[in-house]
Amino acid sequence: MTRFELAATLSRRLYMLTEEERHSIIDKYVSGINMEIEAGISEKEAVERLGDIGLLADRILMRHHIDPRQVKENRKTETDINLRQ
């Protein structure tokens, strides 16, 4: 996964946060990856060091007092509604 794919994935997973919060969080992670690349680590390895992106997104949501299970349930419901239309 590239840093751009990471940013897009986090943006989708963190949709419950404000745009400003999402940008701030994503900028933090992309900046960290950029620093690792400058230190000689490959982009792929720098992203992999973050671990599972889904778990990362869940931890971020929990720090913002949002239950990731509820978010996933809401996304499932929204998807089901969209499929019926």
C-alpha atoms as a PDB file:
ATOM      1  CA  MET A   1       0.000   0.000   0.000  1.00  0.00           C
ATOM      2  CA  THR A   2       1.285   3.474  -0.807  1.00  0.00           C
ATOM      3  CA  ARG A   3       0.923   6.527   1.433  1.00  0.00           C
ATOM      4  CA  PHE A   4      -1.726   7.825  -0.982  1.00  0.00           C
ATOM      5  CA  GLU A   5      -3.727   4.601  -0.691  1.00  0.00           C
ATOM      6  CA  LEU A   6      -3.326   4.816   3.081  1.00  0.00           C
ATOM      7  CA  ALA A   7      -4.675   8.383   3.045  1.00  0.00           C
ATOM      8  CA  ALA A   8      -7.669   7.377   0.922  1.00  0.00           C
ATOM      9  CA  THR A   9      -8.417   4.351   3.113  1.00  0.00           C
ATOM     10  CA  LEU A  10      -8.209   6.341   6.331  1.00  0.00           C
ATOM     11  CA  SER A  11     -10.377   9.078   4.869  1.00  0.00           C
ATOM     12  CA  ARG A  12     -13.093   6.516   4.064  1.00  0.00           C
ATOM     13  CA  ARG A  13     -12.824   4.754   7.420  1.00  0.00           C
ATOM     14  CA  LEU A  14     -12.872   8.001   9.412  1.00  0.00           C
ATOM     15  CA  TYR A  15     -15.871   9.536   7.664  1.00  0.00           C
ATOM     16  CA  MET A  16     -17.586  10.185  11.022  1.00  0.00           C
ATOM     17  CA  LEU A  17     -14.932  12.741  11.923  1.00  0.00           C
ATOM     18  CA  THR A  18     -14.962  16.287  10.627  1.00  0.00           C
ATOM     19  CA  GLU A  19     -13.039  17.007   7.456  1.00  0.00           C
ATOM     20  CA  GLU A  20     -10.565  19.075   9.488  1.00  0.00           C
ATOM     21  CA  GLU A  21      -9.968  16.215  11.939  1.00  0.00           C
ATOM     22  CA  ARG A  22      -9.527  13.704   9.099  1.00  0.00           C
ATOM     23  CA  HIS A  23      -7.023  15.922   7.292  1.00  0.00           C
ATOM     24  CA  SER A  24      -5.049  16.541  10.478  1.00  0.00           C
ATOM     25  CA  ILE A  25      -4.852  12.831  11.312  1.00  0.00           C
ATOM     26  CA  ILE A  26      -3.986  11.772   7.779  1.00  0.00           C
ATOM     27  CA  ASP A  27      -1.343  14.508   7.461  1.00  0.00           C
ATOM     28  CA  LYS A  28       0.269  13.211  10.660  1.00  0.00           C
ATOM     29  CA  TYR A  29       0.574   9.676   9.310  1.00  0.00           C
ATOM     30  CA  VAL A  30       1.684  10.730   5.822  1.00  0.00           C
ATOM     31  CA  SER A  31       4.320  13.053   7.331  1.00  0.00           C
ATOM     32  CA  GLY A  32       5.636  10.181   9.445  1.00  0.00           C
ATOM     33  CA  ILE A  33       5.851   7.964   6.380  1.00  0.00           C
ATOM     34  CA  ASN A  34       7.637  10.733   4.461  1.00  0.00           C
ATOM     35  CA  MET A  35      10.195  11.029   7.281  1.00  0.00           C
ATOM     36  CA  GLU A  36      10.823   7.286   7.186  1.00  0.00           C
ATOM     37  CA  ILE A  37      11.263   7.397   3.402  1.00  0.00           C
ATOM     38  CA  GLU A  38      13.786  10.229   3.817  1.00  0.00           C
ATOM     39  CA  ALA A  39      15.614   8.004   6.333  1.00  0.00           C
ATOM     40  CA  GLY A  40      15.954   5.311   3.679  1.00  0.00           C
ATOM     41  CA  ILE A  41      13.003   3.037   4.435  1.00  0.00           C
ATOM     42  CA  SER A  42      10.823   2.007   1.517  1.00  0.00           C
ATOM     43  CA  GLU A  43       7.351   3.489   1.278  1.00  0.00           C
ATOM     44  CA  LYS A  44       5.803   0.029   1.433  1.00  0.00           C
ATOM     45  CA  GLU A  45       7.698  -0.869   4.599  1.00  0.00           C
ATOM     46  CA  ALA A  46       6.879   2.480   6.229  1.00  0.00           C
ATOM     47  CA  VAL A  47       3.167   1.918   5.614  1.00  0.00           C
ATOM     48  CA  GLU A  48       3.392  -1.711   6.762  1.00  0.00           C
ATOM     49  CA  ARG A  49       4.946  -0.567  10.061  1.00  0.00           C
ATOM     50  CA  LEU A  50       1.592   1.050  10.883  1.00  0.00           C
ATOM     51  CA  GLY A  51       0.050  -2.411  11.034  1.00  0.00           C
ATOM     52  CA  ASP A  52      -3.484  -3.256  10.020  1.00  0.00           C
ATOM     53  CA  ILE A  53      -5.087  -0.070   8.683  1.00  0.00           C
ATOM     54  CA  GLY A  54      -8.548  -1.165   9.805  1.00  0.00           C
ATOM     55  CA  LEU A  55      -7.324  -1.540  13.384  1.00  0.00           C
ATOM     56  CA  LEU A  56      -5.519   1.787  13.129  1.00  0.00           C
ATOM     57  CA  ALA A  57      -8.753   3.474  12.018  1.00  0.00           C
ATOM     58  CA  ASP A  58     -10.637   1.785  14.872  1.00  0.00           C
ATOM     59  CA  ARG A  59      -8.108   3.080  17.420  1.00  0.00           C
ATOM     60  CA  ILE A  60      -8.385   6.593  15.997  1.00  0.00           C
ATOM     61  CA  LEU A  61     -12.177   6.477  16.232  1.00  0.00           C
ATOM     62  CA  MET A  62     -11.997   5.259  19.832  1.00  0.00           C
ATOM     63  CA  ARG A  63      -9.707   8.185  20.700  1.00  0.00           C
ATOM     64  CA  HIS A  64     -12.518  10.404  19.414  1.00  0.00           C
ATOM     65  CA  HIS A  65     -15.065   8.564  21.583  1.00  0.00           C
ATOM     66  CA  ILE A  66     -16.678   6.822  18.614  1.00  0.00           C
ATOM     67  CA  ASP A  67     -17.417   3.110  18.845  1.00  0.00           C
ATOM     68  CA  PRO A  68     -15.982   1.520  15.674  1.00  0.00           C
ATOM     69  CA  ARG A  69     -18.561  -1.284  15.870  1.00  0.00           C
ATOM     70  CA  GLN A  70     -21.354   1.262  15.676  1.00  0.00           C
ATOM     71  CA  VAL A  71     -19.715   2.948  12.693  1.00  0.00           C
ATOM     72  CA  LYS A  72     -19.424  -0.396  10.897  1.00  0.00           C
ATOM     73  CA  GLU A  73     -23.071  -1.190  11.646  1.00  0.00           C
ATOM     74  CA  ASN A  74     -24.153   2.227  10.349  1.00  0.00           C
ATOM     75  CA  ARG A  75     -22.098   1.733   7.169  1.00  0.00           C
ATOM     76  CA  LYS A  76     -23.682  -1.685   6.637  1.00  0.00           C
ATOM     77  CA  THR A  77     -27.173  -0.240   7.075  1.00  0.00           C
ATOM     78  CA  GLU A  78     -26.410   2.631   4.679  1.00  0.00           C
ATOM     79  CA  THR A  79     -25.053   0.165   2.113  1.00  0.00           C
ATOM     80  CA  ASP A  80     -28.142  -2.024   2.427  1.00  0.00           C
ATOM     81  CA  ILE A  81     -30.396   1.015   1.909  1.00  0.00           C
ATOM     82  CA  ASN A  82     -28.389   2.153  -1.130  1.00  0.00           C
ATOM     83  CA  LEU A  83     -28.586  -1.322  -2.676  1.00  0.00           C
ATOM     84  CA  ARG A  84     -32.374  -1.338  -2.363  1.00  0.00           C
ATOM     85  CA  GLN A  85     -32.765   1.948  -4.235  1.00  0.00           C
END
